[in-house]
Protein backbone atom coordinates (compact mmCIF):
# COMPACT_ATOMS: atom_id res chain seq x y z
CA MET A 1 7.23 24.09 33.84
CA THR A 2 10.98 24.47 34.30
CA SER A 3 11.76 20.87 35.26
CA PHE A 4 12.20 19.96 31.59
CA THR A 5 15.39 22.03 31.51
CA ASN A 6 16.96 19.76 34.11
CA LEU A 7 15.96 16.70 32.10
CA LEU A 8 17.37 18.04 28.85
CA GLN A 9 20.63 19.12 30.43
CA THR A 10 21.41 15.48 31.29
CA PHE A 11 21.91 14.76 27.58
CA PRO A 12 25.74 15.08 27.39
CA GLU A 13 26.38 13.19 30.64
CA GLN A 14 23.99 10.35 29.77
CA LEU A 15 25.64 9.91 26.38
CA ARG A 16 29.17 10.09 27.77
CA THR A 17 28.48 7.56 30.56
CA ALA A 18 26.84 5.06 28.22
CA LEU A 19 29.64 5.33 25.66
CA ASN A 20 32.08 4.35 28.41
CA ALA A 21 29.94 1.48 29.68
CA ARG A 22 31.25 -2.04 29.91
CA ILE A 23 28.87 -4.56 28.39
CA PRO A 24 28.18 -7.13 31.15
CA GLY A 25 29.02 -10.74 30.37
CA GLY A 26 28.32 -13.92 32.27
CA THR A 27 25.70 -15.49 30.04
CA SER A 28 25.35 -19.24 29.97
CA THR A 29 23.96 -18.99 26.43
CA PRO A 30 26.65 -17.63 24.08
CA PHE A 31 25.92 -14.81 21.66
CA PRO A 32 26.84 -15.22 17.99
CA VAL A 33 30.36 -14.01 17.27
CA ARG A 34 29.38 -12.98 13.75
CA PRO A 35 25.60 -12.44 13.78
CA GLN A 36 23.76 -12.62 10.50
CA HIS A 37 21.35 -9.93 11.69
CA ILE A 38 21.17 -7.48 14.58
CA LEU A 39 17.55 -7.09 15.66
CA PHE A 40 16.20 -4.34 17.90
CA PHE A 41 12.88 -4.36 19.73
CA GLY A 42 11.52 -1.23 21.47
CA MET A 43 8.37 0.86 21.55
CA GLY A 44 7.86 4.62 21.85
CA GLY A 45 10.61 6.37 23.79
CA SER A 46 12.30 3.01 24.27
CA GLY A 47 12.73 2.59 20.53
CA SER A 48 13.54 6.18 19.69
CA ALA A 49 17.33 5.83 19.86
CA VAL A 50 17.29 2.94 17.39
CA ALA A 51 14.99 4.82 15.02
CA PHE A 52 17.32 7.83 15.25
CA LEU A 53 20.49 5.81 14.59
CA LEU A 54 19.36 3.34 11.93
CA PRO A 55 19.62 5.58 8.83
CA TYR A 56 23.20 6.40 9.85
CA LEU A 57 24.22 2.91 10.94
CA GLN A 58 22.77 1.15 7.91
CA ARG A 59 25.28 3.02 5.75
CA LEU A 60 28.17 1.66 7.82
CA SER A 61 27.19 -1.83 8.86
CA PRO A 62 28.13 -4.99 6.96
CA ILE A 63 25.42 -6.70 9.05
CA PRO A 64 21.71 -5.99 8.43
CA LEU A 65 20.20 -3.92 11.27
CA LEU A 66 16.43 -4.06 11.78
CA LEU A 67 13.98 -2.46 14.24
CA PHE A 68 10.71 -4.21 15.08
CA GLN A 69 7.88 -2.47 16.95
CA ASP A 70 5.11 -5.01 17.25
CA TYR A 71 3.97 -8.11 19.14
CA GLU A 72 5.20 -10.43 16.42
CA ILE A 73 8.78 -11.53 15.88
CA PRO A 74 9.85 -12.07 12.25
CA ARG A 75 9.98 -15.84 11.69
CA THR A 76 11.71 -15.61 8.30
CA LEU A 77 15.04 -14.70 9.93
CA SER A 78 17.52 -17.13 11.44
CA HIS A 79 17.19 -16.13 15.09
CA ALA A 80 19.77 -18.67 16.20
CA HIS A 81 22.35 -16.58 14.34
CA ALA A 82 20.99 -13.13 15.25
CA LEU A 83 21.83 -10.70 18.02
CA HIS A 84 18.66 -9.56 19.82
CA ILE A 85 18.60 -6.25 21.70
CA LEU A 86 15.44 -5.55 23.71
CA ILE A 87 14.78 -2.02 25.00
CA SER A 88 12.09 -1.11 27.52
CA HIS A 89 12.58 1.70 29.99
CA SER A 90 10.00 0.38 32.44
CA GLY A 91 10.82 -3.25 31.70
CA ASN A 92 7.08 -3.89 31.40
CA THR A 93 6.27 -2.87 27.82
CA GLU A 94 3.93 -5.63 26.71
CA GLU A 95 5.05 -5.75 23.07
CA THR A 96 8.71 -6.10 24.08
CA LEU A 97 7.92 -8.65 26.79
CA THR A 98 6.13 -10.77 24.17
CA ILE A 99 9.44 -10.95 22.29
CA ALA A 100 11.39 -11.70 25.49
CA TYR A 101 9.09 -14.63 26.32
CA TYR A 102 9.45 -15.99 22.79
CA LEU A 103 13.25 -15.83 22.97
CA GLN A 104 13.15 -17.48 26.38
CA LYS A 105 11.02 -20.31 25.01
CA GLN A 106 13.46 -20.77 22.14
CA GLN A 107 16.41 -20.59 24.57
CA LEU A 108 17.87 -17.69 22.63
CA PRO A 109 19.85 -14.93 24.41
CA PHE A 110 19.25 -11.20 24.29
CA ILE A 111 20.72 -7.99 25.65
CA ALA A 112 18.30 -5.94 27.76
CA ILE A 113 18.40 -2.16 28.00
CA THR A 114 16.02 -1.25 30.81
CA SER A 115 15.64 0.32 34.22
CA ASN A 116 13.57 -2.30 35.99
CA GLY A 117 10.51 -4.51 35.65
CA ILE A 118 9.88 -7.94 34.21
CA LEU A 119 12.41 -7.59 31.37
CA LYS A 120 15.20 -7.05 33.88
CA GLU A 121 14.01 -10.02 35.95
CA LEU A 122 13.90 -12.29 32.91
CA ALA A 123 17.41 -11.27 31.83
CA ARG A 124 18.88 -11.61 35.33
CA ALA A 125 17.29 -15.04 35.80
CA ARG A 126 18.98 -16.22 32.59
CA HIS A 127 22.29 -14.47 33.41
CA LEU A 128 21.93 -12.23 30.35
CA PRO A 129 23.46 -8.73 30.03
CA VAL A 130 21.43 -5.81 31.40
CA LEU A 131 22.36 -2.21 30.59
CA GLU A 132 20.55 0.02 33.03
CA LEU A 133 18.62 3.20 32.30
CA ASN A 134 17.78 5.86 34.87
CA PRO A 135 14.38 4.91 36.36
CA ASP A 136 13.72 8.51 37.43
CA LEU A 137 13.68 9.88 33.87
CA PRO A 138 10.70 9.63 31.49
CA PRO A 139 11.52 7.01 28.82
CA ARG A 140 11.90 9.51 25.96
CA PHE A 141 14.47 11.50 27.93
CA THR A 142 16.79 8.48 28.17
CA LEU A 143 17.55 8.53 24.44
CA PRO A 144 21.17 9.68 25.01
CA ALA A 145 21.89 6.69 27.26
CA GLN A 146 20.15 4.32 24.86
CA THR A 147 22.21 5.79 22.00
CA GLY A 148 25.49 5.33 23.87
CA TYR A 149 24.68 1.74 24.83
CA ILE A 150 23.68 0.82 21.28
CA LEU A 151 26.85 2.28 19.79
CA THR A 152 28.98 0.54 22.43
CA ILE A 153 27.38 -2.82 21.60
CA LEU A 154 27.66 -2.32 17.84
CA ALA A 155 31.32 -1.30 18.07
CA ARG A 156 32.04 -5.01 18.59
CA TYR A 157 30.56 -5.86 15.19
CA ILE A 158 30.91 -2.74 13.02
CA PRO A 159 34.49 -1.46 12.56
CA ALA A 160 33.33 2.00 11.44
CA VAL A 161 31.42 2.46 14.70
CA ALA A 162 34.46 1.35 16.71
CA ARG A 163 36.55 3.99 14.94
CA GLU A 164 33.93 6.66 15.64
CA LEU A 165 33.60 6.04 19.39
CA PRO A 166 36.79 7.85 20.60
CA HIS A 167 35.85 10.95 18.61
CA LEU A 168 32.27 10.78 19.87
CA GLN A 169 33.46 10.51 23.47
CA GLN A 170 35.57 13.62 22.93
CA PHE A 171 32.56 15.36 21.39
CA THR A 172 30.45 14.72 24.50
CA GLU A 173 33.06 16.48 26.63
CA HIS A 174 32.37 19.72 24.75
CA LEU A 175 28.65 19.34 24.03
CA HIS A 176 27.62 21.38 27.06
CA THR A 177 29.44 24.41 25.63
CA LEU A 178 26.88 24.48 22.80
CA LEU A 179 23.92 24.70 25.20
CA PRO A 180 23.43 28.51 25.15
CA GLN A 181 23.43 28.44 21.36
CA ILE A 182 20.93 25.57 21.28
CA GLN A 183 18.63 27.27 23.79
CA ASP A 184 18.59 30.55 21.85
CA GLN A 185 17.91 28.80 18.55
CA SER A 186 15.19 26.56 19.97
CA GLN A 187 13.41 29.54 21.55
CA GLN A 188 13.25 31.19 18.13
CA LEU A 189 12.10 28.03 16.35
CA SER A 190 9.35 27.33 18.86
CA GLU A 191 7.98 30.85 18.39
CA LEU A 192 7.92 30.41 14.61
CA ALA A 193 5.90 27.20 14.87
CA ARG A 194 3.41 28.16 17.55
CA HIS A 195 -0.22 27.52 16.48
CA LYS A 196 0.84 26.47 12.98
CA LEU A 197 0.82 23.27 10.98
CA THR A 198 4.49 22.35 11.07
CA ILE A 199 6.48 20.32 8.56
CA ILE A 200 10.10 19.25 8.90
CA ALA A 201 11.81 18.23 5.66
CA THR A 202 15.19 16.54 5.42
CA ASP A 203 17.13 13.74 3.71
CA THR A 204 17.26 10.03 4.48
CA LEU A 205 20.34 10.28 6.70
CA ALA A 206 18.60 12.74 9.02
CA SER A 207 15.18 11.09 8.78
CA GLY A 208 15.70 9.57 12.23
CA VAL A 209 16.24 13.08 13.61
CA ALA A 210 13.03 14.31 11.94
CA LEU A 211 11.16 11.36 13.45
CA ARG A 212 12.54 12.28 16.89
CA TRP A 213 11.35 15.87 16.41
CA LYS A 214 7.89 14.52 15.59
CA GLN A 215 7.82 12.24 18.65
CA GLN A 216 9.04 14.96 21.02
CA TRP A 217 6.64 17.56 19.66
CA ASN A 218 3.77 15.07 20.00
CA GLU A 219 4.59 14.01 23.57
CA ASN A 220 6.12 17.17 25.03
CA ALA A 221 4.17 19.93 23.28
CA LYS A 222 1.06 17.89 22.38
CA HIS A 223 1.58 19.51 18.98
CA PRO A 224 1.49 17.76 15.57
CA LEU A 225 4.55 17.80 13.35
CA HIS A 226 4.81 16.11 9.97
CA PRO A 227 8.23 14.85 8.78
CA LEU A 228 9.07 14.56 5.08
CA THR A 229 12.06 12.58 3.82
CA PHE A 230 13.58 13.49 0.48
CA PRO A 231 14.06 12.36 -2.22
CA GLU A 232 11.20 9.93 -1.49
CA ALA A 233 8.73 12.74 -0.69
CA SER A 234 9.31 14.16 -4.18
CA HIS A 235 7.53 11.12 -5.60
CA ASN A 236 4.28 11.57 -3.64
CA GLU A 237 3.83 14.20 -0.92
CA LEU A 238 5.28 16.99 -3.03
CA GLU A 239 2.06 16.98 -5.06
CA ALA A 240 0.04 17.93 -1.94
CA THR A 241 1.79 21.27 -1.42
CA ASN A 242 -0.99 23.20 -3.20
CA LEU A 243 -3.35 22.52 -0.30
CA LEU A 244 -0.65 23.25 2.28
CA GLN A 245 -0.15 26.70 0.80
CA THR A 246 -3.68 27.65 1.91
CA LEU A 247 -3.01 26.84 5.59
CA PRO A 248 -1.11 28.63 8.37
CA ILE A 249 2.09 26.67 8.02
CA CYS A 250 5.68 26.59 9.19
CA VAL A 251 8.24 24.60 7.15
CA PHE A 252 11.57 23.66 8.71
CA LEU A 253 14.31 22.41 6.36
CA LEU A 254 16.74 20.28 8.35
CA HIS A 255 20.18 20.47 6.74
CA HIS A 256 23.60 19.01 7.52
CA HIS A 257 26.92 18.95 5.70
CA PHE A 258 26.54 15.45 4.26
CA ILE A 259 23.36 15.76 2.17
CA HIS A 260 23.69 14.32 -1.33
CA PRO A 261 23.87 17.14 -3.90
CA ARG A 262 20.87 15.77 -5.80
CA THR A 263 18.81 15.53 -2.62
CA GLN A 264 19.77 19.14 -1.92
CA LEU A 265 18.04 20.05 -5.18
CA HIS A 266 14.89 18.20 -4.10
CA LEU A 267 14.81 20.21 -0.86
CA GLN A 268 15.46 23.43 -2.75
CA PHE A 269 12.52 22.80 -5.09
CA PHE A 270 10.25 21.92 -2.16
CA GLN A 271 11.23 25.15 -0.39
CA GLN A 272 10.31 27.15 -3.48
CA GLN A 273 6.69 25.98 -3.20
CA PHE A 274 6.16 28.26 -0.18
CA PRO A 275 6.58 31.97 0.53
CA PRO A 276 9.99 32.72 2.06
CA SER A 277 8.34 33.83 5.30
CA GLN A 278 7.02 30.29 5.85
CA THR A 279 10.29 28.37 5.40
CA HIS A 280 13.22 28.26 7.78
CA THR A 281 16.52 26.41 7.32
CA ILE A 282 18.10 24.67 10.31
CA HIS A 283 21.68 23.44 10.24
CA PRO A 284 24.43 22.56 12.74
CA PRO A 285 26.92 25.30 13.61
CA HIS A 286 30.38 25.38 12.08
CA ASN A 287 32.03 25.38 15.51
CA LEU A 288 31.25 21.78 16.47
CA PRO A 289 34.28 20.36 18.33
CA TYR A 290 34.26 17.30 16.06
CA THR A 291 32.38 17.14 12.77
CA SER A 292 30.99 13.88 11.48
CA PRO A 293 27.53 12.83 10.29
CA LEU A 294 26.72 11.47 13.74
CA THR A 295 27.80 14.55 15.72
CA GLN A 296 25.78 16.80 13.42
CA LEU A 297 22.74 14.56 13.80
CA LEU A 298 23.13 14.55 17.59
CA TYR A 299 23.25 18.35 17.64
CA LEU A 300 20.08 18.59 15.54
CA LEU A 301 18.36 16.01 17.72
CA TRP A 302 19.15 17.85 20.96
CA LEU A 303 17.96 21.07 19.32
CA GLY A 304 14.63 19.41 18.52
CA ASP A 305 14.22 18.24 22.12
CA TRP A 306 14.71 21.77 23.43
CA THR A 307 12.42 23.25 20.78
CA SER A 308 9.59 20.88 21.71
CA CYS A 309 9.80 21.81 25.39
CA TYR A 310 9.97 25.55 24.74
CA LEU A 311 6.94 25.15 22.48
CA ALA A 312 5.13 23.37 25.33
CA GLN A 313 5.99 26.30 27.58
CA LYS A 314 4.68 28.84 25.06
CA ILE A 315 1.34 27.07 24.56
CA GLN A 316 1.10 26.27 28.28
CA VAL A 317 1.01 22.48 28.32
CA ASP A 318 2.94 20.13 30.61
CA PRO A 319 5.90 18.67 28.63
CA ILE A 320 6.38 15.80 31.08
CA SER A 321 2.97 14.18 31.52
CA VAL A 322 1.40 12.07 28.77
CA PRO A 323 -2.16 11.53 30.08
CA THR A 324 -3.67 10.07 26.91
CA ILE A 325 -0.90 7.47 26.61
CA GLN A 326 -1.40 6.56 30.26
CA GLN A 327 -5.11 6.13 29.63
CA LEU A 328 -4.32 3.74 26.78
CA LYS A 329 -2.06 1.64 29.03
CA GLN A 330 -4.81 1.44 31.65
CA PHE A 331 -7.32 0.46 28.96
CA LEU A 332 -5.08 -2.33 27.65
CA GLN A 333 -4.37 -3.57 31.18
CA ALA A 334 -8.09 -3.70 31.95
CA GLN A 335 -8.66 -5.95 28.92
CA ARG A 336 -6.27 -8.54 30.45
CA GLN A 337 -8.30 -8.83 33.63
């Protein structure tokens, strides 16, 4: 049950290494210099970094950024003028491979982020860039490396990301110093949520962090967690709080220093619907070595990873294995035979 600590402690080094990565060249099919769209394809843990980053990046990018998690590729877009980034830790994710085969048929290039498998073989055969993930880590624990690779790629196309990278690299050098603080806080949070219906409420900018909390709690702790994004949730899910008040519940309010003042009021009103003992505010510390929206989001994300694993420890489940997901993969494979 302690191996998860070793996995989580690789976070700063994975991120730092990927941010310093050189994007391989050598493709016989040129990439667009000024893409009209940047399209990401990745499922589960292999798409988690994109889902985490998109709300932040979409505020900075002059180019539309889109994530697709399906077997179908959007035909309404001009793929000849798009940059395609395919992410699959194993290299054998069938949804992502469907996209890779389509791009191969259309003679369109892509960048692969993977550790092995068919995706790597397809990219190597076409002399396309491959950014390698650690094959010994579970896919969801490679999010820091995926994040670093994505930001390094996008720095070529988004000036604001290019300006952020040096500060982010400096931030990773000091991230390990925050570990004792993160571990203490995550121990407390996991105890608050044990055996309770848990909700995590935040704003749009941090919605990718809330989604990551949900994914990690589901896979690591086998525990449900429901994310709410405000102000949108004020127009629908807010009305369901009367029923929630009758249940054993734990409400986390995920804050950062860049929440819009009006959204702050939405979160304040939502918090008032519950007894004070059921709501708990989470925010980054004031001693971050470099403060930006992205560094605060990274802190909150790493905190969620630790909280999910400590919760798994408290309710005595294995945070590494995902037996039901493995059963699904075997079921789908059997249908191909």
